[in-house]
Protein backbone atom coordinates (compact mmCIF):
# COMPACT_ATOMS: atom_id res chain seq x y z
CA UNK A 1 42.61 3.75 18.63
CA UNK A 2 40.75 2.47 15.64
CA UNK A 3 39.39 -0.30 18.03
CA UNK A 4 39.09 1.53 21.47
CA UNK A 5 37.42 4.91 20.20
CA UNK A 6 34.59 3.54 18.08
CA UNK A 7 33.90 0.88 20.63
CA UNK A 8 33.58 3.18 23.39
CA UNK A 9 31.44 5.60 21.37
CA UNK A 10 29.29 2.70 20.19
CA UNK A 11 28.63 1.64 23.84
CA UNK A 12 28.00 5.12 24.82
CA UNK A 13 25.51 5.74 22.23
CA UNK A 14 23.55 2.63 23.23
CA UNK A 15 23.94 2.68 27.10
CA UNK A 16 24.55 6.21 28.64
CA UNK A 17 21.47 8.36 29.12
CA UNK A 18 21.43 12.09 29.43
CA UNK A 19 18.98 14.82 29.47
CA UNK A 20 18.37 16.81 26.32
CA UNK A 21 15.41 19.36 26.08
CA UNK A 22 14.07 18.15 29.29
CA UNK A 23 13.95 14.34 28.12
CA UNK A 24 16.15 11.69 29.56
CA UNK A 25 17.33 9.14 26.74
CA UNK A 26 20.48 7.85 25.34
CA UNK A 27 22.03 9.59 22.23
CA UNK A 28 20.35 6.81 20.18
CA UNK A 29 17.09 7.77 21.55
CA UNK A 30 17.39 11.30 21.03
CA UNK A 31 18.55 11.11 17.29
CA UNK A 32 15.79 8.62 16.79
CA UNK A 33 13.19 11.06 18.23
CA UNK A 34 14.57 13.60 15.80
CA UNK A 35 14.09 11.15 12.87
CA UNK A 36 10.70 10.25 14.18
CA UNK A 37 9.45 13.78 14.14
CA UNK A 38 10.41 13.85 10.38
CA UNK A 39 7.75 11.12 9.66
CA UNK A 40 5.02 12.84 12.16
CA UNK A 41 1.47 12.02 10.83
CA UNK A 42 3.00 10.13 7.69
CA UNK A 43 3.15 6.46 9.28
CA UNK A 44 0.48 5.15 7.02
CA UNK A 45 2.24 6.52 3.93
CA UNK A 46 5.54 5.30 5.00
CA UNK A 47 4.22 1.76 5.72
CA UNK A 48 2.53 1.66 2.01
CA UNK A 49 5.84 2.75 0.50
CA UNK A 50 8.07 0.16 2.20
CA UNK A 51 5.48 -2.53 1.80
CA UNK A 52 5.16 -1.72 -1.81
CA UNK A 53 8.80 -1.93 -2.29
CA UNK A 54 9.17 -5.08 -0.52
CA UNK A 55 6.23 -6.79 -2.25
CA UNK A 56 7.78 -5.71 -5.74
CA UNK A 57 11.32 -7.01 -4.91
CA UNK A 58 9.83 -10.18 -3.20
CA UNK A 59 7.85 -11.04 -6.57
CA UNK A 60 10.72 -10.24 -8.56
CA UNK A 61 13.04 -12.35 -6.45
CA UNK A 62 10.57 -15.20 -6.56
CA UNK A 63 9.66 -15.12 -10.24
CA UNK A 64 12.14 -13.25 -12.19
CA UNK A 65 15.31 -14.09 -10.08
CA UNK A 66 17.49 -11.15 -11.32
CA UNK A 67 21.17 -11.60 -10.59
CA UNK A 68 21.41 -8.37 -8.74
CA UNK A 69 19.11 -9.66 -6.01
CA UNK A 70 20.22 -13.43 -5.99
CA UNK A 71 24.03 -12.42 -5.71
CA UNK A 72 23.42 -9.66 -3.09
CA UNK A 73 23.25 -11.71 0.34
CA UNK A 74 21.53 -9.08 2.19
CA UNK A 75 18.66 -8.66 -0.30
CA UNK A 76 18.50 -12.34 -1.06
CA UNK A 77 18.36 -13.00 2.86
CA UNK A 78 15.50 -10.56 3.26
CA UNK A 79 13.37 -11.16 0.37
CA UNK A 80 13.30 -14.91 -0.13
CA UNK A 81 12.12 -17.75 2.04
CA UNK A 82 9.32 -20.17 2.07
CA UNK A 83 5.83 -19.74 0.63
CA UNK A 84 4.48 -18.30 4.01
CA UNK A 85 7.19 -15.45 3.97
CA UNK A 86 6.69 -14.73 0.63
CA UNK A 87 3.02 -14.28 0.83
CA UNK A 88 3.18 -12.34 4.03
CA UNK A 89 5.50 -9.76 2.13
CA UNK A 90 3.04 -9.49 -0.54
CA UNK A 91 -0.03 -9.25 1.65
CA UNK A 92 1.64 -6.47 3.45
CA UNK A 93 0.96 -3.86 0.54
CA UNK A 94 -2.83 -4.34 0.50
CA UNK A 95 -2.99 -4.35 4.18
CA UNK A 96 -0.89 -1.36 4.29
CA UNK A 97 -3.20 0.41 1.83
CA UNK A 98 -6.35 -0.35 4.09
CA UNK A 99 -4.09 1.77 6.86
CA UNK A 100 -4.21 4.88 4.64
CA UNK A 101 -6.13 7.73 6.00
CA UNK A 102 -10.03 7.60 5.21
CA UNK A 103 -9.70 3.58 4.43
CA UNK A 104 -11.70 2.94 7.64
CA UNK A 105 -14.47 5.38 6.47
CA UNK A 106 -15.22 3.32 3.42
CA UNK A 107 -16.65 0.26 5.38
CA UNK A 108 -19.42 -0.16 7.84
CA UNK A 109 -18.28 0.95 11.31
CA UNK A 110 -18.12 -1.61 14.10
CA UNK A 111 -17.75 -4.51 11.83
CA UNK A 112 -14.92 -6.76 10.95
CA UNK A 113 -13.62 -4.84 8.08
CA UNK A 114 -13.67 -1.61 10.10
CA UNK A 115 -11.62 -3.45 12.80
CA UNK A 116 -9.17 -4.72 10.09
CA UNK A 117 -8.61 -1.07 8.90
CA UNK A 118 -8.42 0.14 12.35
CA UNK A 119 -5.84 -2.44 13.29
CA UNK A 120 -3.88 -1.69 10.38
CA UNK A 121 -3.91 1.77 10.78
CA UNK A 122 -2.24 1.19 14.36
CA UNK A 123 0.49 -1.07 13.25
CA UNK A 124 1.30 1.25 10.26
CA UNK A 125 1.11 4.53 12.33
CA UNK A 126 2.49 3.47 15.78
CA UNK A 127 4.78 0.39 15.08
CA UNK A 128 6.08 0.81 11.26
CA UNK A 129 6.89 4.56 11.52
CA UNK A 130 9.16 3.90 14.48
CA UNK A 131 10.53 1.06 12.96
CA UNK A 132 11.34 2.92 9.88
CA UNK A 133 13.09 5.78 11.75
CA UNK A 134 14.93 3.30 13.93
CA UNK A 135 16.06 1.49 10.76
CA UNK A 136 18.21 4.40 9.68
CA UNK A 137 19.44 5.35 13.13
CA UNK A 138 20.44 1.86 14.03
CA UNK A 139 21.89 1.32 10.71
CA UNK A 140 24.29 4.11 11.06
CA UNK A 141 25.34 3.54 14.83
CA UNK A 142 25.05 -0.09 15.23
CA UNK A 143 28.37 -0.89 13.46
CA UNK A 144 30.20 1.11 16.10
CA UNK A 145 29.42 -1.52 18.53
CA UNK A 146 29.33 -4.49 16.41
CA UNK A 147 32.40 -4.27 13.95
CA UNK A 148 35.22 -2.51 15.58
CA UNK A 149 36.35 -5.17 17.83
CA UNK A 150 34.05 -5.18 20.76
CA UNK A 151 32.84 -8.51 19.94
CA UNK A 152 36.20 -10.02 19.71
CA UNK A 153 37.38 -8.34 22.72
CA UNK A 154 34.61 -9.91 24.80
CA UNK A 155 34.63 -13.28 23.31
CA UNK A 156 38.00 -13.97 24.59
CA UNK A 157 36.92 -13.71 28.10
CA UNK A 158 33.80 -15.56 27.64
CA UNK A 159 35.21 -18.52 25.86
CA UNK A 160 36.80 -20.46 28.66
CA UNK A 161 33.36 -20.56 30.40
CA UNK A 162 31.43 -22.07 27.40
CA UNK A 163 32.08 -25.73 27.72
CA UNK A 164 31.72 -26.27 31.57
CA UNK A 165 28.81 -23.79 32.06
CA UNK A 166 27.00 -24.14 28.83
CA UNK A 167 27.97 -27.61 27.36
CA UNK A 168 28.93 -25.97 24.22
CA UNK A 169 32.50 -25.28 22.46
CA UNK A 170 34.34 -22.36 23.39
CA UNK A 171 34.08 -20.69 19.82
CA UNK A 172 30.25 -20.48 20.59
CA UNK A 173 31.09 -17.26 22.50
CA UNK A 174 31.62 -15.57 19.07
CA UNK A 175 28.16 -16.41 18.15
CA UNK A 176 26.86 -15.32 21.48
CA UNK A 177 28.51 -11.77 21.56
CA UNK A 178 27.83 -11.39 17.83
CA UNK A 179 24.21 -11.65 18.46
CA UNK A 180 24.33 -9.60 21.62
CA UNK A 181 25.83 -6.61 20.05
CA UNK A 182 24.24 -7.26 16.48
CA UNK A 183 21.51 -9.58 15.35
CA UNK A 184 20.20 -12.88 16.39
CA UNK A 185 19.77 -13.79 12.65
CA UNK A 186 23.47 -13.40 12.07
CA UNK A 187 24.47 -15.60 14.82
CA UNK A 188 22.15 -18.30 13.52
CA UNK A 189 23.58 -18.06 10.12
CA UNK A 190 27.23 -18.25 11.71
CA UNK A 191 26.18 -21.29 13.62
CA UNK A 192 24.55 -23.02 10.77
CA UNK A 193 27.77 -22.60 8.83
CA UNK A 194 29.88 -24.02 11.59
CA UNK A 195 27.60 -26.96 12.02
CA UNK A 196 27.72 -27.85 8.14
CA UNK A 197 31.64 -27.42 8.38
CA UNK A 198 31.96 -29.94 11.21
CA UNK A 199 32.82 -27.64 14.26
CA UNK A 200 29.38 -28.34 16.15
CA UNK A 201 27.28 -31.30 16.71
CA UNK A 202 23.53 -31.30 16.21
CA UNK A 203 22.84 -30.91 19.89
CA UNK A 204 25.60 -28.08 20.25
CA UNK A 205 24.30 -26.22 17.30
CA UNK A 206 20.57 -26.49 18.61
CA UNK A 207 21.77 -25.28 22.03
CA UNK A 208 23.67 -22.33 20.63
CA UNK A 209 20.68 -21.28 18.46
CA UNK A 210 18.43 -21.67 21.30
CA UNK A 211 20.50 -20.23 23.98
CA UNK A 212 23.12 -17.78 22.25
CA UNK A 213 21.11 -16.20 19.39
CA UNK A 214 20.45 -13.50 21.79
CA UNK A 215 18.27 -10.61 20.86
CA UNK A 216 20.77 -7.78 19.68
CA UNK A 217 20.88 -4.61 21.66
CA UNK A 218 19.27 -2.66 18.76
CA UNK A 219 16.31 -5.04 18.55
CA UNK A 220 15.86 -4.71 22.45
CA UNK A 221 16.04 -1.03 22.17
CA UNK A 222 13.50 -0.81 19.39
CA UNK A 223 11.09 -3.01 21.52
CA UNK A 224 11.77 -0.92 24.43
CA UNK A 225 10.91 2.00 22.38
CA UNK A 226 7.65 0.88 20.92
CA UNK A 227 6.66 -0.05 24.44
CA UNK A 228 7.50 3.55 25.66
CA UNK A 229 9.93 2.30 28.25
CA UNK A 230 13.33 2.94 26.43
CA UNK A 231 14.44 5.18 29.22
CA UNK A 232 14.82 2.00 31.36
CA UNK A 233 17.40 0.41 28.76
CA UNK A 234 20.19 -0.19 31.44
CA UNK A 235 17.73 -2.11 33.80
CA UNK A 236 16.31 -3.94 30.70
CA UNK A 237 19.70 -5.00 29.42
CA UNK A 238 20.74 -6.10 33.12
CA UNK A 239 17.70 -8.33 33.67
CA UNK A 240 17.40 -9.67 30.11
CA UNK A 241 20.76 -10.69 29.84
CA UNK A 242 21.10 -12.13 33.51
CA UNK A 243 17.93 -14.33 32.64
CA UNK A 244 19.38 -15.34 29.18
CA UNK A 245 22.79 -16.40 31.03
CA UNK A 246 20.64 -18.57 33.48
CA UNK A 247 18.70 -19.96 30.62
CA UNK A 248 21.73 -20.92 28.64
CA UNK A 249 23.17 -23.16 31.32
CA UNK A 250 19.65 -24.84 31.73
CA UNK A 251 18.44 -25.40 28.45
CA UNK A 252 20.90 -27.80 27.08
CA UNK A 253 20.57 -29.88 29.97
CA UNK A 254 16.88 -30.60 29.86
CA UNK A 255 14.48 -31.87 26.90
CA UNK A 256 13.83 -31.00 24.21
CA UNK A 257 17.66 -29.83 23.59
CA UNK A 258 19.20 -32.66 25.42
CA UNK A 259 17.65 -35.11 23.40
CA UNK A 260 18.85 -33.47 19.80
CA UNK A 261 21.41 -36.16 18.52
CA UNK A 262 25.03 -35.38 19.48
CA UNK A 263 26.24 -36.03 15.99
CA UNK A 264 28.24 -34.03 13.59
CA UNK A 265 26.65 -33.07 10.11
CA UNK A 266 27.38 -35.96 7.69
CA UNK A 267 29.82 -37.42 10.44
CA UNK A 268 32.38 -34.82 9.92
CA UNK A 269 34.26 -33.56 13.02
CA UNK A 270 36.84 -30.65 12.53
CA UNK A 271 37.35 -30.44 16.35
CA UNK A 272 40.40 -32.37 16.37
CA UNK A 273 41.79 -30.42 13.55
CA UNK A 274 41.94 -27.11 15.35
CA UNK A 275 45.37 -25.77 15.71
CA UNK A 276 45.01 -23.58 18.94
CA UNK A 277 43.65 -19.96 19.14
CA UNK A 278 46.93 -18.28 18.07
CA UNK A 279 47.57 -16.66 21.60
CA UNK A 280 51.23 -17.64 21.84
CA UNK A 281 51.56 -17.14 25.40
CA UNK A 282 49.85 -13.79 25.39
CA UNK A 283 47.72 -12.74 28.58
CA UNK A 284 44.08 -12.67 28.20
CA UNK A 285 43.76 -8.86 28.13
CA UNK A 286 46.75 -8.54 25.68
CA UNK A 287 45.07 -11.24 23.46
CA UNK A 288 41.49 -9.63 23.72
CA UNK A 289 43.22 -6.37 22.63
CA UNK A 290 44.87 -7.90 19.83
CA UNK A 291 41.71 -9.73 18.47
CA UNK A 292 39.96 -6.49 18.82
CA UNK A 293 42.47 -4.45 17.37
CA UNK A 294 42.78 -6.89 14.23
CA UNK A 295 38.99 -6.66 13.71
CA UNK A 296 39.01 -2.77 13.67
CA UNK A 297 41.84 -2.95 11.25
CA UNK A 298 39.93 -4.80 8.74
CA UNK A 299 36.94 -2.25 8.92
CA UNK A 300 36.74 0.17 6.10
CA UNK A 301 34.23 2.67 4.84
CA UNK A 302 32.90 0.03 2.50
CA UNK A 303 32.48 -2.76 5.21
CA UNK A 304 31.02 -0.02 7.42
CA UNK A 305 28.30 0.91 4.79
CA UNK A 306 27.63 -2.86 4.17
CA UNK A 307 26.89 -3.42 7.87
CA UNK A 308 24.65 -0.51 7.86
CA UNK A 309 22.86 -1.70 4.82
CA UNK A 310 22.34 -5.11 6.29
CA UNK A 311 20.64 -3.71 9.41
CA UNK A 312 18.52 -1.09 7.52
CA UNK A 313 17.36 -3.76 5.15
CA UNK A 314 16.55 -6.32 7.84
CA UNK A 315 14.22 -4.10 9.34
CA UNK A 316 12.71 -2.53 6.45
CA UNK A 317 12.38 -5.43 3.93
CA UNK A 318 12.40 -8.21 6.51
CA UNK A 319 10.70 -6.95 9.81
CA UNK A 320 8.39 -4.24 8.48
CA UNK A 321 6.25 -6.08 6.02
CA UNK A 322 5.89 -9.13 8.26
CA UNK A 323 5.09 -6.77 11.19
CA UNK A 324 2.50 -5.24 8.72
CA UNK A 325 0.86 -8.59 7.90
CA UNK A 326 1.20 -10.83 11.02
CA UNK A 327 0.52 -7.70 13.29
CA UNK A 328 -2.60 -6.81 11.84
CA UNK A 329 -3.82 -10.19 11.50
CA UNK A 330 -2.89 -11.37 15.11
CA UNK A 331 -4.34 -8.27 16.43
CA UNK A 332 -7.62 -9.15 14.64
CA UNK A 333 -7.39 -12.66 15.87
CA UNK A 334 -6.94 -11.32 19.36
CA UNK A 335 -10.20 -9.12 19.03
CA UNK A 336 -12.41 -11.51 17.52
CA UNK A 337 -11.26 -15.04 18.48
CA UNK A 338 -10.29 -16.67 21.89
CA UNK A 339 -7.01 -18.25 20.45
CA UNK A 340 -4.58 -15.76 21.74
CA UNK A 341 -6.27 -15.80 25.21
CA UNK A 342 -6.37 -19.53 25.43
CA UNK A 343 -2.83 -19.92 24.66
CA UNK A 344 -2.06 -17.20 27.13
CA UNK A 345 -3.75 -18.76 29.86
CA UNK A 346 -0.82 -20.44 31.50
CA UNK A 347 1.38 -17.50 31.15
CA UNK A 348 -1.21 -15.22 32.59
CA UNK A 349 -1.77 -17.59 35.61
CA UNK A 350 2.11 -17.54 36.26
CA UNK A 351 2.49 -13.75 35.88
CA UNK A 352 -0.60 -13.29 38.26
CA UNK A 353 0.91 -15.50 40.94
CA UNK A 354 4.07 -13.51 40.65
CA UNK A 355 2.31 -10.32 41.11
CA UNK A 356 1.97 -8.87 37.69
CA UNK A 357 -1.03 -6.38 37.73
CA UNK A 358 -2.08 -6.86 33.82
CA UNK A 359 -1.13 -10.22 33.69
CA UNK A 360 -3.61 -11.37 30.75
CA UNK A 361 -2.45 -8.57 28.43
CA UNK A 362 1.26 -9.20 29.27
CA UNK A 363 0.58 -12.82 28.71
CA UNK A 364 -0.96 -12.25 25.13
CA UNK A 365 1.86 -10.12 24.25
CA UNK A 366 4.39 -12.95 25.23
CA UNK A 367 2.40 -15.33 22.91
CA UNK A 368 2.53 -13.02 19.96
CA UNK A 369 6.45 -12.48 20.63
CA UNK A 370 6.89 -16.23 19.57
CA UNK A 371 6.04 -15.14 15.94
CA UNK A 372 8.03 -11.80 16.32
CA UNK A 373 9.15 -9.92 19.09
CA UNK A 374 7.88 -6.81 17.56
CA UNK A 375 4.40 -8.09 17.91
CA UNK A 376 4.88 -8.26 21.65
CA UNK A 377 4.66 -4.19 21.50
CA UNK A 378 1.76 -4.40 19.04
CA UNK A 379 -0.17 -6.55 21.55
CA UNK A 380 0.94 -4.85 24.75
CA UNK A 381 0.81 -1.18 23.74
CA UNK A 382 -2.17 -0.80 26.18
CA UNK A 383 -0.23 -1.74 29.15
CA UNK A 384 -0.62 0.95 31.64
CA UNK A 385 1.96 0.29 34.40
CA UNK A 386 5.82 0.68 34.26
CA UNK A 387 6.50 -2.58 35.76
CA UNK A 388 4.26 -4.46 33.38
CA UNK A 389 5.78 -2.83 30.33
CA UNK A 390 9.20 -3.62 31.60
CA UNK A 391 8.47 -7.24 32.23
CA UNK A 392 6.69 -7.44 28.95
CA UNK A 393 9.77 -6.18 26.97
CA UNK A 394 12.15 -8.46 29.08
CA UNK A 395 9.96 -11.56 28.72
CA UNK A 396 9.51 -10.90 24.80
CA UNK A 397 13.24 -10.69 24.09
CA UNK A 398 14.14 -13.49 26.59
CA UNK A 399 11.88 -16.03 24.68
CA UNK A 400 14.40 -15.52 22.01
CA UNK A 401 13.11 -18.41 19.75
CA UNK A 402 10.86 -16.13 17.44
CA UNK A 403 9.62 -17.62 14.07
CA UNK A 404 10.40 -14.53 11.94
CA UNK A 405 14.03 -14.22 12.69
CA UNK A 406 15.49 -17.22 14.48
CA UNK A 407 12.86 -19.87 13.03
CA UNK A 408 13.25 -18.65 9.46
CA UNK A 409 17.00 -19.14 9.42
CA UNK A 410 16.76 -22.59 11.50
CA UNK A 411 14.37 -23.81 8.53
CA UNK A 412 16.73 -22.71 5.88
CA UNK A 413 19.62 -24.67 7.54
CA UNK A 414 20.54 -28.32 8.37
CA UNK A 415 20.32 -27.81 12.09
CA UNK A 416 18.17 -30.47 13.50
CA UNK A 417 15.58 -28.43 15.29
CA UNK A 418 11.77 -28.87 14.62
CA UNK A 419 8.89 -26.23 15.16
CA UNK A 420 7.51 -28.14 18.14
CA UNK A 421 10.81 -28.09 19.74
CA UNK A 422 11.29 -24.62 19.27
CA UNK A 423 7.81 -23.80 20.54
CA UNK A 424 8.66 -25.88 23.71
CA UNK A 425 12.04 -24.20 24.13
CA UNK A 426 10.15 -20.69 24.01
CA UNK A 427 7.46 -21.73 26.47
CA UNK A 428 10.11 -22.92 28.96
CA UNK A 429 12.18 -19.89 28.61
CA UNK A 430 9.46 -17.59 29.26
CA UNK A 431 8.06 -19.50 32.05
CA UNK A 432 11.69 -19.88 33.94
CA UNK A 433 12.79 -16.37 33.19
CA UNK A 434 9.32 -14.82 34.72
CA UNK A 435 10.53 -15.99 37.97
CA UNK A 436 13.25 -13.62 37.76
CA UNK A 437 11.87 -10.84 35.48
CA UNK A 438 8.73 -10.03 37.33
CA UNK A 439 10.06 -9.63 40.61
CA UNK A 440 12.84 -7.48 39.30
CA UNK A 441 10.19 -5.22 37.47
CA UNK A 442 8.46 -4.70 40.76
CA UNK A 443 11.86 -3.84 42.37
CA UNK A 444 12.79 -1.20 39.70
CA UNK A 445 9.26 0.16 39.43
CA UNK A 446 7.40 -0.19 42.83
CA UNK A 447 3.78 0.77 42.88
């Protein structure tokens, strides 16, 4: 019961829509709307408060290194990093202050400073406020899906197909399902640990990171919500994960992933040391139930709260400050420079050929999603058609190899992946998946 009931409730919370007060949404969506109503009109103040906390904690972690941050894995992961991420978190505070009511009136209208304040206000009011509400709701509800055995149950059935279909060991199914029902950053960290321990080769680890560190359900829901199309969550999940499965089979067989050295870290291989999976003649169903039940038994109130805190802090201290900084600057760059438009030209041509009506704007949002998938919502918020909003959400999450989540963890690990390789993988993933996603968008949302 401890396995079945929470897992069933968790799946229902995320996937089953119903009508409440005339609005059709999932239970997660209805709770989120209630939480968002509490922040109505307070988005800039909320963004400033979160940015101030993140900046102060990041400075403390870098210069004073208090033990209570360094020893806390969750705080350490979301407050440390390279110089770029440190300054991005610190810069979020002055940018958020520029978003406060009345800030735009202090500068000359129509100029660069005015546009900066307006873009900051949009990010703070329309994006950050929703992420703040989602962080609490998702933090409280996501462990029902992630940590009561559903991951282990699904992994039993996924394991046997991993090597022949995806060219990775069967244990990679755990990475895949953990990210699917949880967080892609968790999957990258887990993969890096397995690579260092000698369970994966460099090519296998790179393939897993670029193919199985899927966008978690709560991340996809958050992007869909920011794009005002969360009511199509079942269709989004169907199309997104179908595309991801096809790409996971294709990407390890072509460059650049196929050219990553197929060698173990420091020459260590623990593949031969494995002693079986412990099934002892059980059927697949019985073994899956056993694995799920065993995981559920390990869950306590303390571990539940720890997982909740991980999700909340990842969004509040990891995503929100980076969104505040990169979102504002990239929107400003898109408005005053041709950089985003130039990078989006190949994607726009492809989307236009496939029948997307707002191909240019959708393509620019896809370019922004390489930095962070939430930036796709910031760039594509003006999309008018349901089909193009649907396609934008799917393309943004299927691209998968974003810098602020997957890239950050890869750079902190020993996995042999370079920035240019991740960029090429991202471009290929978007280009190939568009062949499926755009027609699917037209099917679900005909004109």
